[in-house]
């Protein structure tokens, strides 16, 4: 019942989300109550499925429907998070006032 961590999985991240994640530095986001509630529900669902997977001794192999479900939920979680606007920092405001470019 041991699982192998050497299996390869193809995680499908929408191109828009992947490019947004790669281009922006780690910045805080303004998460609306609706988005926060959705992220909370998705987080609980992801945690439940992964706990159940581990508890049952699931195999890490391509095509495992339970792992695919977790990957879909995680992708949706990222989409919701990256749809939230980035918060403007004090430094950004000062640069804008002084017409300076970001470093």
PDB file of N, CA and C in Angstrom:
ATOM      1  N   UNK A   1       0.789  -1.195   0.000  1.00  0.00           N
ATOM      2  CA  UNK A   1       0.000   0.000   0.000  1.00  0.00           C
ATOM      3  C   UNK A   1       0.834   1.262   0.000  1.00  0.00           C
ATOM      4  N   UNK A   2       2.110   1.131  -0.179  1.00  0.00           N
ATOM      5  CA  UNK A   2       2.966   2.311  -0.215  1.00  0.00           C
ATOM      6  C   UNK A   2       2.742   3.065  -1.518  1.00  0.00           C
ATOM      7  N   UNK A   3       2.809   4.373  -1.429  1.00  0.00           N
ATOM      8  CA  UNK A   3       2.632   5.191  -2.622  1.00  0.00           C
ATOM      9  C   UNK A   3       3.977   5.634  -3.144  1.00  0.00           C
ATOM     10  N   UNK A   4       4.030   5.846  -4.428  1.00  0.00           N
ATOM     11  CA  UNK A   4       5.262   6.284  -5.067  1.00  0.00           C
ATOM     12  C   UNK A   4       5.126   7.742  -5.472  1.00  0.00           C
ATOM     13  N   UNK A   5       6.097   8.527  -5.149  1.00  0.00           N
ATOM     14  CA  UNK A   5       6.063   9.948  -5.483  1.00  0.00           C
ATOM     15  C   UNK A   5       6.762  10.228  -6.814  1.00  0.00           C
ATOM     16  N   UNK A   6       7.092   9.192  -7.570  1.00  0.00           N
ATOM     17  CA  UNK A   6       7.813   9.400  -8.816  1.00  0.00           C
ATOM     18  C   UNK A   6       6.897   9.503 -10.024  1.00  0.00           C
ATOM     19  N   UNK A   7       5.601   9.308  -9.844  1.00  0.00           N
ATOM     20  CA  UNK A   7       4.669   9.377 -10.970  1.00  0.00           C
ATOM     21  C   UNK A   7       4.585  10.808 -11.485  1.00  0.00           C
ATOM     22  N   UNK A   8       4.406  10.949 -12.782  1.00  0.00           N
ATOM     23  CA  UNK A   8       4.281  12.272 -13.375  1.00  0.00           C
ATOM     24  C   UNK A   8       2.811  12.591 -13.587  1.00  0.00           C
ATOM     25  N   UNK A   9       2.437  13.809 -13.277  1.00  0.00           N
ATOM     26  CA  UNK A   9       1.067  14.259 -13.468  1.00  0.00           C
ATOM     27  C   UNK A   9       1.095  15.518 -14.293  1.00  0.00           C
ATOM     28  N   UNK A  10       0.181  15.611 -15.212  1.00  0.00           N
ATOM     29  CA  UNK A  10       0.100  16.834 -16.005  1.00  0.00           C
ATOM     30  C   UNK A  10      -0.950  17.729 -15.372  1.00  0.00           C
ATOM     31  N   UNK A  11      -0.495  18.824 -14.806  1.00  0.00           N
ATOM     32  CA  UNK A  11      -1.390  19.784 -14.190  1.00  0.00           C
ATOM     33  C   UNK A  11      -1.738  20.817 -15.239  1.00  0.00           C
ATOM     34  N   UNK A  12      -3.015  20.951 -15.505  1.00  0.00           N
ATOM     35  CA  UNK A  12      -3.464  21.901 -16.526  1.00  0.00           C
ATOM     36  C   UNK A  12      -3.837  23.224 -15.867  1.00  0.00           C
ATOM     37  N   UNK A  13      -2.951  24.198 -16.003  1.00  0.00           N
ATOM     38  CA  UNK A  13      -3.216  25.531 -15.484  1.00  0.00           C
ATOM     39  C   UNK A  13      -3.555  26.408 -16.679  1.00  0.00           C
ATOM     40  N   UNK A  14      -4.687  27.102 -16.627  1.00  0.00           N
ATOM     41  CA  UNK A  14      -5.011  27.983 -17.747  1.00  0.00           C
ATOM     42  C   UNK A  14      -3.872  28.955 -18.015  1.00  0.00           C
ATOM     43  N   UNK A  15      -3.632  29.229 -19.293  1.00  0.00           N
ATOM     44  CA  UNK A  15      -2.508  30.073 -19.685  1.00  0.00           C
ATOM     45  C   UNK A  15      -2.564  31.438 -19.012  1.00  0.00           C
ATOM     46  N   UNK A  16      -3.760  32.011 -18.901  1.00  0.00           N
ATOM     47  CA  UNK A  16      -3.888  33.333 -18.295  1.00  0.00           C
ATOM     48  C   UNK A  16      -3.423  33.303 -16.843  1.00  0.00           C
ATOM     49  N   UNK A  17      -3.825  32.296 -16.102  1.00  0.00           N
ATOM     50  CA  UNK A  17      -3.439  32.192 -14.697  1.00  0.00           C
ATOM     51  C   UNK A  17      -1.943  31.940 -14.576  1.00  0.00           C
ATOM     52  N   UNK A  18      -1.403  31.076 -15.430  1.00  0.00           N
ATOM     53  CA  UNK A  18       0.020  30.762 -15.375  1.00  0.00           C
ATOM     54  C   UNK A  18       0.858  31.996 -15.671  1.00  0.00           C
ATOM     55  N   UNK A  19       0.480  32.786 -16.659  1.00  0.00           N
ATOM     56  CA  UNK A  19       1.258  33.974 -16.980  1.00  0.00           C
ATOM     57  C   UNK A  19       1.108  35.030 -15.903  1.00  0.00           C
ATOM     58  N   UNK A  20      -0.073  35.157 -15.337  1.00  0.00           N
ATOM     59  CA  UNK A  20      -0.274  36.137 -14.274  1.00  0.00           C
ATOM     60  C   UNK A  20       0.580  35.779 -13.069  1.00  0.00           C
ATOM     61  N   UNK A  21       0.658  34.491 -12.752  1.00  0.00           N
ATOM     62  CA  UNK A  21       1.428  34.063 -11.586  1.00  0.00           C
ATOM     63  C   UNK A  21       2.909  34.296 -11.802  1.00  0.00           C
ATOM     64  N   UNK A  22       3.382  34.121 -13.029  1.00  0.00           N
ATOM     65  CA  UNK A  22       4.797  34.260 -13.303  1.00  0.00           C
ATOM     66  C   UNK A  22       5.260  35.697 -13.422  1.00  0.00           C
ATOM     67  N   UNK A  23       4.398  36.608 -13.803  1.00  0.00           N
ATOM     68  CA  UNK A  23       4.807  37.980 -14.056  1.00  0.00           C
ATOM     69  C   UNK A  23       4.749  38.878 -12.829  1.00  0.00           C
ATOM     70  N   UNK A  24       3.830  38.608 -11.929  1.00  0.00           N
ATOM     71  CA  UNK A  24       3.638  39.509 -10.812  1.00  0.00           C
ATOM     72  C   UNK A  24       4.434  39.046  -9.597  1.00  0.00           C
ATOM     73  N   UNK A  25       5.085  40.002  -8.930  1.00  0.00           N
ATOM     74  CA  UNK A  25       5.754  39.624  -7.686  1.00  0.00           C
ATOM     75  C   UNK A  25       4.699  39.256  -6.644  1.00  0.00           C
ATOM     76  N   UNK A  26       5.140  38.640  -5.566  1.00  0.00           N
ATOM     77  CA  UNK A  26       4.179  38.265  -4.524  1.00  0.00           C
ATOM     78  C   UNK A  26       3.616  39.530  -3.899  1.00  0.00           C
ATOM     79  N   UNK A  27       2.357  39.766  -4.162  1.00  0.00           N
ATOM     80  CA  UNK A  27       1.676  40.962  -3.668  1.00  0.00           C
ATOM     81  C   UNK A  27       0.404  40.536  -2.977  1.00  0.00           C
ATOM     82  N   UNK A  28      -0.024  41.319  -2.037  1.00  0.00           N
ATOM     83  CA  UNK A  28      -1.292  41.055  -1.367  1.00  0.00           C
ATOM     84  C   UNK A  28      -2.425  41.343  -2.326  1.00  0.00           C
ATOM     85  N   UNK A  29      -3.525  40.652  -2.144  1.00  0.00           N
ATOM     86  CA  UNK A  29      -4.697  40.833  -3.000  1.00  0.00           C
ATOM     87  C   UNK A  29      -5.892  41.210  -2.146  1.00  0.00           C
ATOM     88  N   UNK A  30      -6.771  41.996  -2.734  1.00  0.00           N
ATOM     89  CA  UNK A  30      -8.009  42.392  -2.068  1.00  0.00           C
ATOM     90  C   UNK A  30      -9.048  41.323  -2.387  1.00  0.00           C
ATOM     91  N   UNK A  31      -9.326  40.477  -1.420  1.00  0.00           N
ATOM     92  CA  UNK A  31     -10.234  39.355  -1.616  1.00  0.00           C
ATOM     93  C   UNK A  31     -11.614  39.756  -1.124  1.00  0.00           C
ATOM     94  N   UNK A  32     -12.584  39.680  -2.032  1.00  0.00           N
ATOM     95  CA  UNK A  32     -13.961  40.031  -1.684  1.00  0.00           C
ATOM     96  C   UNK A  32     -14.538  38.959  -0.765  1.00  0.00           C
ATOM     97  N   UNK A  33     -15.602  39.286  -0.038  1.00  0.00           N
ATOM     98  CA  UNK A  33     -16.234  38.264   0.806  1.00  0.00           C
ATOM     99  C   UNK A  33     -16.690  37.037   0.002  1.00  0.00           C
ATOM    100  N   UNK A  34     -17.200  37.257  -1.212  1.00  0.00           N
ATOM    101  CA  UNK A  34     -17.650  36.141  -2.041  1.00  0.00           C
ATOM    102  C   UNK A  34     -16.467  35.259  -2.447  1.00  0.00           C
ATOM    103  N   UNK A  35     -15.376  35.884  -2.865  1.00  0.00           N
ATOM    104  CA  UNK A  35     -14.182  35.127  -3.254  1.00  0.00           C
ATOM    105  C   UNK A  35     -13.594  34.407  -2.044  1.00  0.00           C
ATOM    106  N   UNK A  36     -13.589  35.074  -0.895  1.00  0.00           N
ATOM    107  CA  UNK A  36     -13.087  34.459   0.323  1.00  0.00           C
ATOM    108  C   UNK A  36     -13.895  33.237   0.714  1.00  0.00           C
ATOM    109  N   UNK A  37     -15.211  33.341   0.572  1.00  0.00           N
ATOM    110  CA  UNK A  37     -16.077  32.204   0.891  1.00  0.00           C
ATOM    111  C   UNK A  37     -15.815  31.050  -0.076  1.00  0.00           C
ATOM    112  N   UNK A  38     -15.665  31.366  -1.362  1.00  0.00           N
ATOM    113  CA  UNK A  38     -15.382  30.329  -2.363  1.00  0.00           C
ATOM    114  C   UNK A  38     -14.032  29.672  -2.085  1.00  0.00           C
ATOM    115  N   UNK A  39     -13.013  30.468  -1.751  1.00  0.00           N
ATOM    116  CA  UNK A  39     -11.692  29.915  -1.444  1.00  0.00           C
ATOM    117  C   UNK A  39     -11.741  29.025  -0.204  1.00  0.00           C
ATOM    118  N   UNK A  40     -12.539  29.432   0.772  1.00  0.00           N
ATOM    119  CA  UNK A  40     -12.676  28.632   1.984  1.00  0.00           C
ATOM    120  C   UNK A  40     -13.334  27.284   1.682  1.00  0.00           C
ATOM    121  N   UNK A  41     -14.406  27.298   0.908  1.00  0.00           N
ATOM    122  CA  UNK A  41     -15.104  26.057   0.558  1.00  0.00           C
ATOM    123  C   UNK A  41     -14.195  25.153  -0.269  1.00  0.00           C
ATOM    124  N   UNK A  42     -13.516  25.740  -1.262  1.00  0.00           N
ATOM    125  CA  UNK A  42     -12.598  24.942  -2.077  1.00  0.00           C
ATOM    126  C   UNK A  42     -11.474  24.358  -1.231  1.00  0.00           C
ATOM    127  N   UNK A  43     -10.949  25.142  -0.308  1.00  0.00           N
ATOM    128  CA  UNK A  43      -9.881  24.653   0.568  1.00  0.00           C
ATOM    129  C   UNK A  43     -10.337  23.459   1.391  1.00  0.00           C
ATOM    130  N   UNK A  44     -11.560  23.540   1.928  1.00  0.00           N
ATOM    131  CA  UNK A  44     -12.090  22.414   2.704  1.00  0.00           C
ATOM    132  C   UNK A  44     -12.280  21.178   1.822  1.00  0.00           C
ATOM    133  N   UNK A  45     -12.783  21.383   0.600  1.00  0.00           N
ATOM    134  CA  UNK A  45     -12.995  20.257  -0.316  1.00  0.00           C
ATOM    135  C   UNK A  45     -11.666  19.602  -0.693  1.00  0.00           C
ATOM    136  N   UNK A  46     -10.656  20.424  -0.971  1.00  0.00           N
ATOM    137  CA  UNK A  46      -9.329  19.899  -1.322  1.00  0.00           C
ATOM    138  C   UNK A  46      -8.755  19.113  -0.147  1.00  0.00           C
ATOM    139  N   UNK A  47      -8.859  19.691   1.041  1.00  0.00           N
ATOM    140  CA  UNK A  47      -8.340  19.023   2.237  1.00  0.00           C
ATOM    141  C   UNK A  47      -9.072  17.700   2.486  1.00  0.00           C
ATOM    142  N   UNK A  48     -10.386  17.685   2.325  1.00  0.00           N
ATOM    143  CA  UNK A  48     -11.169  16.475   2.541  1.00  0.00           C
ATOM    144  C   UNK A  48     -10.752  15.377   1.560  1.00  0.00           C
ATOM    145  N   UNK A  49     -10.650  15.728   0.279  1.00  0.00           N
ATOM    146  CA  UNK A  49     -10.298  14.725  -0.727  1.00  0.00           C
ATOM    147  C   UNK A  49      -8.884  14.184  -0.528  1.00  0.00           C
ATOM    148  N   UNK A  50      -7.948  15.056  -0.197  1.00  0.00           N
ATOM    149  CA  UNK A  50      -6.574  14.584   0.012  1.00  0.00           C
ATOM    150  C   UNK A  50      -6.464  13.727   1.272  1.00  0.00           C
ATOM    151  N   UNK A  51      -7.175  14.122   2.335  1.00  0.00           N
ATOM    152  CA  UNK A  51      -7.172  13.303   3.549  1.00  0.00           C
ATOM    153  C   UNK A  51      -7.759  11.926   3.266  1.00  0.00           C
ATOM    154  N   UNK A  52      -8.859  11.889   2.534  1.00  0.00           N
ATOM    155  CA  UNK A  52      -9.474  10.611   2.201  1.00  0.00           C
ATOM    156  C   UNK A  52      -8.556   9.769   1.318  1.00  0.00           C
ATOM    157  N   UNK A  53      -7.881  10.417   0.386  1.00  0.00           N
ATOM    158  CA  UNK A  53      -6.949   9.717  -0.497  1.00  0.00           C
ATOM    159  C   UNK A  53      -5.838   9.069   0.314  1.00  0.00           C
ATOM    160  N   UNK A  54      -5.257   9.814   1.241  1.00  0.00           N
ATOM    161  CA  UNK A  54      -4.168   9.294   2.071  1.00  0.00           C
ATOM    162  C   UNK A  54      -4.687   8.198   2.995  1.00  0.00           C
ATOM    163  N   UNK A  55      -5.857   8.426   3.582  1.00  0.00           N
ATOM    164  CA  UNK A  55      -6.431   7.447   4.514  1.00  0.00           C
ATOM    165  C   UNK A  55      -6.693   6.107   3.830  1.00  0.00           C
ATOM    166  N   UNK A  56      -7.151   6.143   2.589  1.00  0.00           N
ATOM    167  CA  UNK A  56      -7.437   4.915   1.847  1.00  0.00           C
ATOM    168  C   UNK A  56      -6.182   4.301   1.226  1.00  0.00           C
ATOM    169  N   UNK A  57      -5.068   4.998   1.299  1.00  0.00           N
ATOM    170  CA  UNK A  57      -3.832   4.476   0.721  1.00  0.00           C
ATOM    171  C   UNK A  57      -3.860   4.489  -0.795  1.00  0.00           C
ATOM    172  N   UNK A  58      -4.389   5.557  -1.364  1.00  0.00           N
ATOM    173  CA  UNK A  58      -4.488   5.680  -2.817  1.00  0.00           C
ATOM    174  C   UNK A  58      -3.129   5.682  -3.497  1.00  0.00           C
ATOM    175  N   UNK A  59      -3.123   5.257  -4.737  1.00  0.00           N
ATOM    176  CA  UNK A  59      -1.887   5.206  -5.514  1.00  0.00           C
ATOM    177  C   UNK A  59      -1.710   6.499  -6.311  1.00  0.00           C
ATOM    178  N   UNK A  60      -0.468   6.980  -6.323  1.00  0.00           N
ATOM    179  CA  UNK A  60      -0.134   8.173  -7.100  1.00  0.00           C
ATOM    180  C   UNK A  60       0.157   7.729  -8.527  1.00  0.00           C
ATOM    181  N   UNK A  61      -0.877   7.708  -9.351  1.00  0.00           N
ATOM    182  CA  UNK A  61      -0.681   7.300 -10.741  1.00  0.00           C
ATOM    183  C   UNK A  61      -1.534   8.192 -11.634  1.00  0.00           C
ATOM    184  N   UNK A  62      -1.087   8.347 -12.852  1.00  0.00           N
ATOM    185  CA  UNK A  62      -1.831   9.159 -13.818  1.00  0.00           C
ATOM    186  C   UNK A  62      -3.188   8.512 -14.066  1.00  0.00           C
ATOM    187  N   UNK A  63      -4.193   9.331 -14.226  1.00  0.00           N
ATOM    188  CA  UNK A  63      -5.532   8.829 -14.502  1.00  0.00           C
ATOM    189  C   UNK A  63      -6.340   8.533 -13.256  1.00  0.00           C
ATOM    190  N   UNK A  64      -5.785   8.761 -12.069  1.00  0.00           N
ATOM    191  CA  UNK A  64      -6.530   8.538 -10.830  1.00  0.00           C
ATOM    192  C   UNK A  64      -7.581   9.640 -10.716  1.00  0.00           C
ATOM    193  N   UNK A  65      -8.848   9.244 -10.728  1.00  0.00           N
ATOM    194  CA  UNK A  65      -9.931  10.223 -10.754  1.00  0.00           C
ATOM    195  C   UNK A  65      -9.964  11.096  -9.504  1.00  0.00           C
ATOM    196  N   UNK A  66      -9.593  10.546  -8.363  1.00  0.00           N
ATOM    197  CA  UNK A  66      -9.596  11.337  -7.136  1.00  0.00           C
ATOM    198  C   UNK A  66      -8.509  12.419  -7.183  1.00  0.00           C
ATOM    199  N   UNK A  67      -7.336  12.075  -7.717  1.00  0.00           N
ATOM    200  CA  UNK A  67      -6.282  13.081  -7.855  1.00  0.00           C
ATOM    201  C   UNK A  67      -6.649  14.128  -8.898  1.00  0.00           C
ATOM    202  N   UNK A  68      -7.310  13.704  -9.963  1.00  0.00           N
ATOM    203  CA  UNK A  68      -7.747  14.655 -10.982  1.00  0.00           C
ATOM    204  C   UNK A  68      -8.769  15.627 -10.399  1.00  0.00           C
ATOM    205  N   UNK A  69      -9.645  15.140  -9.532  1.00  0.00           N
ATOM    206  CA  UNK A  69     -10.617  16.007  -8.878  1.00  0.00           C
ATOM    207  C   UNK A  69      -9.917  17.047  -8.009  1.00  0.00           C
ATOM    208  N   UNK A  70      -8.901  16.614  -7.270  1.00  0.00           N
ATOM    209  CA  UNK A  70      -8.135  17.543  -6.431  1.00  0.00           C
ATOM    210  C   UNK A  70      -7.440  18.587  -7.305  1.00  0.00           C
ATOM    211  N   UNK A  71      -6.859  18.151  -8.422  1.00  0.00           N
ATOM    212  CA  UNK A  71      -6.182  19.085  -9.330  1.00  0.00           C
ATOM    213  C   UNK A  71      -7.169  20.093  -9.916  1.00  0.00           C
ATOM    214  N   UNK A  72      -8.368  19.650 -10.248  1.00  0.00           N
ATOM    215  CA  UNK A  72      -9.378  20.580 -10.781  1.00  0.00           C
ATOM    216  C   UNK A  72      -9.779  21.605  -9.727  1.00  0.00           C
ATOM    217  N   UNK A  73      -9.977  21.153  -8.493  1.00  0.00           N
ATOM    218  CA  UNK A  73     -10.338  22.079  -7.424  1.00  0.00           C
ATOM    219  C   UNK A  73      -9.214  23.070  -7.146  1.00  0.00           C
ATOM    220  N   UNK A  74      -7.972  22.590  -7.178  1.00  0.00           N
ATOM    221  CA  UNK A  74      -6.832  23.480  -6.950  1.00  0.00           C
ATOM    222  C   UNK A  74      -6.700  24.508  -8.071  1.00  0.00           C
ATOM    223  N   UNK A  75      -6.955  24.095  -9.304  1.00  0.00           N
ATOM    224  CA  UNK A  75      -6.891  25.028 -10.436  1.00  0.00           C
ATOM    225  C   UNK A  75      -7.957  26.106 -10.291  1.00  0.00           C
ATOM    226  N   UNK A  76      -9.166  25.710  -9.898  1.00  0.00           N
ATOM    227  CA  UNK A  76     -10.241  26.689  -9.708  1.00  0.00           C
ATOM    228  C   UNK A  76      -9.897  27.622  -8.548  1.00  0.00           C
ATOM    229  N   UNK A  77      -9.280  27.086  -7.508  1.00  0.00           N
ATOM    230  CA  UNK A  77      -8.863  27.898  -6.370  1.00  0.00           C
ATOM    231  C   UNK A  77      -7.888  28.982  -6.830  1.00  0.00           C
ATOM    232  N   UNK A  78      -6.905  28.605  -7.655  1.00  0.00           N
ATOM    233  CA  UNK A  78      -5.942  29.584  -8.181  1.00  0.00           C
ATOM    234  C   UNK A  78      -6.634  30.627  -9.053  1.00  0.00           C
ATOM    235  N   UNK A  79      -7.575  30.178  -9.893  1.00  0.00           N
ATOM    236  CA  UNK A  79      -8.293  31.119 -10.767  1.00  0.00           C
ATOM    237  C   UNK A  79      -9.012  32.179  -9.946  1.00  0.00           C
ATOM    238  N   UNK A  80      -9.716  31.750  -8.917  1.00  0.00           N
ATOM    239  CA  UNK A  80     -10.458  32.695  -8.074  1.00  0.00           C
ATOM    240  C   UNK A  80      -9.490  33.651  -7.387  1.00  0.00           C
ATOM    241  N   UNK A  81      -8.391  33.122  -6.860  1.00  0.00           N
ATOM    242  CA  UNK A  81      -7.424  33.962  -6.168  1.00  0.00           C
ATOM    243  C   UNK A  81      -6.816  35.010  -7.107  1.00  0.00           C
ATOM    244  N   UNK A  82      -6.406  34.578  -8.306  1.00  0.00           N
ATOM    245  CA  UNK A  82      -5.761  35.507  -9.231  1.00  0.00           C
ATOM    246  C   UNK A  82      -6.741  36.476  -9.888  1.00  0.00           C
ATOM    247  N   UNK A  83      -8.041  36.223  -9.777  1.00  0.00           N
ATOM    248  CA  UNK A  83      -9.031  37.184 -10.259  1.00  0.00           C
ATOM    249  C   UNK A  83      -9.187  38.349  -9.293  1.00  0.00           C
ATOM    250  N   UNK A  84      -8.761  38.176  -8.047  1.00  0.00           N
ATOM    251  CA  UNK A  84      -8.845  39.248  -7.053  1.00  0.00           C
ATOM    252  C   UNK A  84      -7.785  40.304  -7.375  1.00  0.00           C
ATOM    253  N   UNK A  85      -8.158  41.586  -7.270  1.00  0.00           N
ATOM    254  CA  UNK A  85      -7.205  42.640  -7.626  1.00  0.00           C
ATOM    255  C   UNK A  85      -6.047  42.739  -6.632  1.00  0.00           C
ATOM    256  N   UNK A  86      -4.885  43.085  -7.176  1.00  0.00           N
ATOM    257  CA  UNK A  86      -3.691  43.283  -6.356  1.00  0.00           C
ATOM    258  C   UNK A  86      -3.845  44.604  -5.617  1.00  0.00           C
ATOM    259  N   UNK A  87      -3.475  44.600  -4.350  1.00  0.00           N
ATOM    260  CA  UNK A  87      -3.568  45.823  -3.551  1.00  0.00           C
ATOM    261  C   UNK A  87      -2.426  46.767  -3.927  1.00  0.00           C
ATOM    262  N   UNK A  88      -2.740  48.035  -4.008  1.00  0.00           N
ATOM    263  CA  UNK A  88      -1.741  49.049  -4.327  1.00  0.00           C
ATOM    264  C   UNK A  88      -0.995  49.398  -3.041  1.00  0.00           C
ATOM    265  N   UNK A  89       0.327  49.345  -3.113  1.00  0.00           N
ATOM    266  CA  UNK A  89       1.133  49.631  -1.928  1.00  0.00           C
ATOM    267  C   UNK A  89       1.413  51.126  -1.824  1.00  0.00           C
ATOM    268  N   UNK A  90       1.908  51.538  -0.675  1.00  0.00           N
ATOM    269  CA  UNK A  90       2.281  52.935  -0.472  1.00  0.00           C
ATOM    270  C   UNK A  90       3.401  53.306  -1.444  1.00  0.00           C
ATOM    271  N   UNK A  91       4.342  52.380  -1.652  1.00  0.00           N
ATOM    272  CA  UNK A  91       5.437  52.632  -2.589  1.00  0.00           C
ATOM    273  C   UNK A  91       4.920  52.864  -4.003  1.00  0.00           C
ATOM    274  N   UNK A  92       3.918  52.061  -4.407  1.00  0.00           N
ATOM    275  CA  UNK A  92       3.323  52.251  -5.735  1.00  0.00           C
ATOM    276  C   UNK A  92       2.684  53.636  -5.855  1.00  0.00           C
ATOM    277  N   UNK A  93       2.006  54.052  -4.807  1.00  0.00           N
ATOM    278  CA  UNK A  93       1.351  55.369  -4.831  1.00  0.00           C
ATOM    279  C   UNK A  93       2.377  56.498  -4.904  1.00  0.00           C
ATOM    280  N   UNK A  94       3.463  56.359  -4.143  1.00  0.00           N
ATOM    281  CA  UNK A  94       4.501  57.387  -4.173  1.00  0.00           C
ATOM    282  C   UNK A  94       5.170  57.456  -5.547  1.00  0.00           C
ATOM    283  N   UNK A  95       5.473  56.299  -6.128  1.00  0.00           N
ATOM    284  CA  UNK A  95       6.069  56.292  -7.461  1.00  0.00           C
ATOM    285  C   UNK A  95       5.135  56.924  -8.493  1.00  0.00           C
ATOM    286  N   UNK A  96       3.849  56.641  -8.357  1.00  0.00           N
ATOM    287  CA  UNK A  96       2.886  57.225  -9.291  1.00  0.00           C
ATOM    288  C   UNK A  96       2.814  58.741  -9.120  1.00  0.00           C
ATOM    289  N   UNK A  97       2.853  59.200  -7.878  1.00  0.00           N
ATOM    290  CA  UNK A  97       2.799  60.657  -7.628  1.00  0.00           C
ATOM    291  C   UNK A  97       4.039  61.344  -8.164  1.00  0.00           C
ATOM    292  N   UNK A  98       5.187  60.684  -8.038  1.00  0.00           N
ATOM    293  CA  UNK A  98       6.449  61.276  -8.470  1.00  0.00           C
ATOM    294  C   UNK A  98       6.801  60.907  -9.901  1.00  0.00           C
ATOM    295  N   UNK A  99       5.907  60.165 -10.552  1.00  0.00           N
ATOM    296  CA  UNK A  99       6.100  59.733 -11.931  1.00  0.00           C
ATOM    297  C   UNK A  99       7.404  58.951 -12.127  1.00  0.00           C
ATOM    298  N   UNK A 100       7.685  58.061 -11.171  1.00  0.00           N
ATOM    299  CA  UNK A 100       8.871  57.217 -11.258  1.00  0.00           C
ATOM    300  C   UNK A 100       8.475  55.835 -11.735  1.00  0.00           C
ATOM    301  N   UNK A 101       9.426  55.164 -12.367  1.00  0.00           N
ATOM    302  CA  UNK A 101       9.192  53.789 -12.793  1.00  0.00           C
ATOM    303  C   UNK A 101       9.518  52.849 -11.640  1.00  0.00           C
ATOM    304  N   UNK A 102       8.820  51.699 -11.615  1.00  0.00           N
ATOM    305  CA  UNK A 102       9.087  50.695 -10.578  1.00  0.00           C
ATOM    306  C   UNK A 102      10.459  50.094 -10.802  1.00  0.00           C
ATOM    307  N   UNK A 103      11.137  49.790  -9.704  1.00  0.00           N
ATOM    308  CA  UNK A 103      12.492  49.239  -9.790  1.00  0.00           C
ATOM    309  C   UNK A 103      12.471  47.812 -10.257  1.00  0.00           C
TER     310      UNK A 103
END
